[in-house]
Amino acid sequence: MPSLIRFLVFLLVLGGLGYGGIFALATMVEPRPRIMTETISADLLPG
């Protein structure tokens, strides 16, 4: 039983670290807006 509890605690710590990393990326990293253009050929246009 102690090995099961140790395994569950390990999974909780690992999940907490993953969640903390994603949370830090979402709050601390600011995206830079930029203009995006994509050229398509006239063959793909309807009509």
PDB file of N, CA and C in Angstrom:
ATOM      1  N   MET A   1       0.805  -1.209   0.000  1.00  0.00           N
ATOM      2  CA  MET A   1       0.000   0.000   0.000  1.00  0.00           C
ATOM      3  C   MET A   1       0.844   1.268   0.000  1.00  0.00           C
ATOM      4  N   PRO A   2       1.958   1.313   0.740  1.00  0.00           N
ATOM      5  CA  PRO A   2       2.775   2.536   0.708  1.00  0.00           C
ATOM      6  C   PRO A   2       3.311   2.846  -0.686  1.00  0.00           C
ATOM      7  N   SER A   3       3.599   1.806  -1.488  1.00  0.00           N
ATOM      8  CA  SER A   3       4.101   2.072  -2.835  1.00  0.00           C
ATOM      9  C   SER A   3       3.008   2.699  -3.702  1.00  0.00           C
ATOM     10  N   LEU A   4       1.747   2.326  -3.474  1.00  0.00           N
ATOM     11  CA  LEU A   4       0.647   2.924  -4.218  1.00  0.00           C
ATOM     12  C   LEU A   4       0.508   4.399  -3.865  1.00  0.00           C
ATOM     13  N   ILE A   5       0.604   4.717  -2.587  1.00  0.00           N
ATOM     14  CA  ILE A   5       0.494   6.114  -2.157  1.00  0.00           C
ATOM     15  C   ILE A   5       1.667   6.918  -2.707  1.00  0.00           C
ATOM     16  N   ARG A   6       2.855   6.357  -2.686  1.00  0.00           N
ATOM     17  CA  ARG A   6       4.031   7.035  -3.229  1.00  0.00           C
ATOM     18  C   ARG A   6       3.855   7.289  -4.729  1.00  0.00           C
ATOM     19  N   PHE A   7       3.307   6.306  -5.448  1.00  0.00           N
ATOM     20  CA  PHE A   7       3.058   6.458  -6.879  1.00  0.00           C
ATOM     21  C   PHE A   7       2.023   7.544  -7.142  1.00  0.00           C
ATOM     22  N   LEU A   8       0.952   7.572  -6.365  1.00  0.00           N
ATOM     23  CA  LEU A   8      -0.074   8.602  -6.547  1.00  0.00           C
ATOM     24  C   LEU A   8       0.459   9.994  -6.231  1.00  0.00           C
ATOM     25  N   VAL A   9       1.281  10.102  -5.206  1.00  0.00           N
ATOM     26  CA  VAL A   9       1.894  11.394  -4.876  1.00  0.00           C
ATOM     27  C   VAL A   9       2.824  11.824  -6.006  1.00  0.00           C
ATOM     28  N   PHE A  10       3.573  10.884  -6.563  1.00  0.00           N
ATOM     29  CA  PHE A  10       4.448  11.197  -7.689  1.00  0.00           C
ATOM     30  C   PHE A  10       3.640  11.715  -8.878  1.00  0.00           C
ATOM     31  N   LEU A  11       2.531  11.061  -9.186  1.00  0.00           N
ATOM     32  CA  LEU A  11       1.682  11.508 -10.291  1.00  0.00           C
ATOM     33  C   LEU A  11       1.091  12.898 -10.017  1.00  0.00           C
ATOM     34  N   LEU A  12       0.689  13.143  -8.777  1.00  0.00           N
ATOM     35  CA  LEU A  12       0.157  14.458  -8.428  1.00  0.00           C
ATOM     36  C   LEU A  12       1.213  15.555  -8.569  1.00  0.00           C
ATOM     37  N   VAL A  13       2.422  15.264  -8.124  1.00  0.00           N
ATOM     38  CA  VAL A  13       3.506  16.247  -8.246  1.00  0.00           C
ATOM     39  C   VAL A  13       3.834  16.492  -9.713  1.00  0.00           C
ATOM     40  N   LEU A  14       3.901  15.442 -10.493  1.00  0.00           N
ATOM     41  CA  LEU A  14       4.183  15.576 -11.921  1.00  0.00           C
ATOM     42  C   LEU A  14       3.086  16.372 -12.617  1.00  0.00           C
ATOM     43  N   GLY A  15       1.829  16.086 -12.291  1.00  0.00           N
ATOM     44  CA  GLY A  15       0.720  16.846 -12.872  1.00  0.00           C
ATOM     45  C   GLY A  15       0.741  18.294 -12.436  1.00  0.00           C
ATOM     46  N   GLY A  16       1.090  18.551 -11.181  1.00  0.00           N
ATOM     47  CA  GLY A  16       1.181  19.925 -10.701  1.00  0.00           C
ATOM     48  C   GLY A  16       2.271  20.707 -11.409  1.00  0.00           C
ATOM     49  N   LEU A  17       3.410  20.058 -11.645  1.00  0.00           N
ATOM     50  CA  LEU A  17       4.492  20.723 -12.382  1.00  0.00           C
ATOM     51  C   LEU A  17       4.073  21.027 -13.818  1.00  0.00           C
ATOM     52  N   GLY A  18       3.394  20.087 -14.445  1.00  0.00           N
ATOM     53  CA  GLY A  18       2.909  20.317 -15.811  1.00  0.00           C
ATOM     54  C   GLY A  18       1.891  21.439 -15.861  1.00  0.00           C
ATOM     55  N   TYR A  19       0.960  21.428 -14.920  1.00  0.00           N
ATOM     56  CA  TYR A  19      -0.054  22.483 -14.859  1.00  0.00           C
ATOM     57  C   TYR A  19       0.597  23.833 -14.583  1.00  0.00           C
ATOM     58  N   GLY A  20       1.574  23.859 -13.681  1.00  0.00           N
ATOM     59  CA  GLY A  20       2.268  25.106 -13.371  1.00  0.00           C
ATOM     60  C   GLY A  20       3.029  25.640 -14.567  1.00  0.00           C
ATOM     61  N   GLY A  21       3.644  24.763 -15.337  1.00  0.00           N
ATOM     62  CA  GLY A  21       4.356  25.192 -16.538  1.00  0.00           C
ATOM     63  C   GLY A  21       3.427  25.780 -17.579  1.00  0.00           C
ATOM     64  N   ILE A  22       2.298  25.136 -17.786  1.00  0.00           N
ATOM     65  CA  ILE A  22       1.329  25.649 -18.758  1.00  0.00           C
ATOM     66  C   ILE A  22       0.742  26.974 -18.283  1.00  0.00           C
ATOM     67  N   PHE A  23       0.459  27.061 -16.985  1.00  0.00           N
ATOM     68  CA  PHE A  23      -0.075  28.303 -16.430  1.00  0.00           C
ATOM     69  C   PHE A  23       0.940  29.441 -16.576  1.00  0.00           C
ATOM     70  N   ALA A  24       2.224  29.148 -16.313  1.00  0.00           N
ATOM     71  CA  ALA A  24       3.264  30.172 -16.449  1.00  0.00           C
ATOM     72  C   ALA A  24       3.390  30.629 -17.898  1.00  0.00           C
ATOM     73  N   LEU A  25       3.343  29.700 -18.840  1.00  0.00           N
ATOM     74  CA  LEU A  25       3.412  30.093 -20.247  1.00  0.00           C
ATOM     75  C   LEU A  25       2.217  30.936 -20.647  1.00  0.00           C
ATOM     76  N   ALA A  26       1.042  30.597 -20.150  1.00  0.00           N
ATOM     77  CA  ALA A  26      -0.164  31.325 -20.529  1.00  0.00           C
ATOM     78  C   ALA A  26      -0.197  32.725 -19.933  1.00  0.00           C
ATOM     79  N   THR A  27       0.377  32.938 -18.774  1.00  0.00           N
ATOM     80  CA  THR A  27       0.285  34.244 -18.126  1.00  0.00           C
ATOM     81  C   THR A  27       1.501  35.121 -18.367  1.00  0.00           C
ATOM     82  N   MET A  28       2.686  34.542 -18.543  1.00  0.00           N
ATOM     83  CA  MET A  28       3.895  35.352 -18.645  1.00  0.00           C
ATOM     84  C   MET A  28       4.322  35.648 -20.075  1.00  0.00           C
ATOM     85  N   VAL A  29       3.968  34.799 -21.017  1.00  0.00           N
ATOM     86  CA  VAL A  29       4.387  34.990 -22.404  1.00  0.00           C
ATOM     87  C   VAL A  29       3.295  35.754 -23.135  1.00  0.00           C
ATOM     88  N   GLU A  30       3.673  36.884 -23.699  1.00  0.00           N
ATOM     89  CA  GLU A  30       2.715  37.728 -24.428  1.00  0.00           C
ATOM     90  C   GLU A  30       2.916  37.503 -25.928  1.00  0.00           C
ATOM     91  N   PRO A  31       1.878  37.089 -26.650  1.00  0.00           N
ATOM     92  CA  PRO A  31       2.042  36.860 -28.086  1.00  0.00           C
ATOM     93  C   PRO A  31       2.221  38.181 -28.837  1.00  0.00           C
ATOM     94  N   ARG A  32       3.046  38.147 -29.880  1.00  0.00           N
ATOM     95  CA  ARG A  32       3.255  39.331 -30.709  1.00  0.00           C
ATOM     96  C   ARG A  32       2.335  39.247 -31.929  1.00  0.00           C
ATOM     97  N   PRO A  33       1.366  40.171 -32.053  1.00  0.00           N
ATOM     98  CA  PRO A  33       0.493  40.125 -33.227  1.00  0.00           C
ATOM     99  C   PRO A  33       1.261  40.513 -34.497  1.00  0.00           C
ATOM    100  N   ARG A  34       0.942  39.862 -35.585  1.00  0.00           N
ATOM    101  CA  ARG A  34       1.574  40.175 -36.863  1.00  0.00           C
ATOM    102  C   ARG A  34       0.593  39.887 -37.986  1.00  0.00           C
ATOM    103  N   ILE A  35       0.826  40.512 -39.101  1.00  0.00           N
ATOM    104  CA  ILE A  35      -0.051  40.340 -40.262  1.00  0.00           C
ATOM    105  C   ILE A  35       0.335  39.050 -40.975  1.00  0.00           C
ATOM    106  N   MET A  36      -0.678  38.255 -41.273  1.00  0.00           N
ATOM    107  CA  MET A  36      -0.439  37.013 -41.986  1.00  0.00           C
ATOM    108  C   MET A  36      -1.147  37.073 -43.332  1.00  0.00           C
ATOM    109  N   THR A  37      -0.439  36.780 -44.389  1.00  0.00           N
ATOM    110  CA  THR A  37      -1.039  36.735 -45.724  1.00  0.00           C
ATOM    111  C   THR A  37      -0.714  35.394 -46.360  1.00  0.00           C
ATOM    112  N   GLU A  38      -1.645  34.886 -47.114  1.00  0.00           N
ATOM    113  CA  GLU A  38      -1.466  33.618 -47.816  1.00  0.00           C
ATOM    114  C   GLU A  38      -1.942  33.815 -49.253  1.00  0.00           C
ATOM    115  N   THR A  39      -1.092  33.530 -50.185  1.00  0.00           N
ATOM    116  CA  THR A  39      -1.435  33.670 -51.606  1.00  0.00           C
ATOM    117  C   THR A  39      -2.043  32.365 -52.102  1.00  0.00           C
ATOM    118  N   ILE A  40      -3.198  32.461 -52.733  1.00  0.00           N
ATOM    119  CA  ILE A  40      -3.836  31.281 -53.306  1.00  0.00           C
ATOM    120  C   ILE A  40      -4.001  31.506 -54.807  1.00  0.00           C
ATOM    121  N   SER A  41      -4.022  30.432 -55.556  1.00  0.00           N
ATOM    122  CA  SER A  41      -4.169  30.554 -57.011  1.00  0.00           C
ATOM    123  C   SER A  41      -5.635  30.796 -57.357  1.00  0.00           C
ATOM    124  N   ALA A  42      -5.856  31.364 -58.531  1.00  0.00           N
ATOM    125  CA  ALA A  42      -7.213  31.674 -58.984  1.00  0.00           C
ATOM    126  C   ALA A  42      -8.024  30.411 -59.240  1.00  0.00           C
ATOM    127  N   ASP A  43      -7.366  29.295 -59.460  1.00  0.00           N
ATOM    128  CA  ASP A  43      -8.091  28.042 -59.715  1.00  0.00           C
ATOM    129  C   ASP A  43      -8.885  27.584 -58.499  1.00  0.00           C
ATOM    130  N   LEU A  44      -8.466  27.972 -57.318  1.00  0.00           N
ATOM    131  CA  LEU A  44      -9.146  27.530 -56.109  1.00  0.00           C
ATOM    132  C   LEU A  44     -10.356  28.375 -55.773  1.00  0.00           C
ATOM    133  N   LEU A  45     -10.513  29.535 -56.396  1.00  0.00           N
ATOM    134  CA  LEU A  45     -11.651  30.415 -56.120  1.00  0.00           C
ATOM    135  C   LEU A  45     -12.903  29.911 -56.815  1.00  0.00           C
ATOM    136  N   PRO A  46     -14.050  29.988 -56.129  1.00  0.00           N
ATOM    137  CA  PRO A  46     -15.300  29.551 -56.765  1.00  0.00           C
ATOM    138  C   PRO A  46     -15.730  30.545 -57.832  1.00  0.00           C
ATOM    139  N   GLY A  47     -16.376  30.020 -58.843  1.00  0.00           N
ATOM    140  CA  GLY A  47     -16.970  30.913 -59.838  1.00  0.00           C
ATOM    141  C   GLY A  47     -16.379  30.846 -61.152  1.00  0.00           C
TER     142      GLY A  47
END
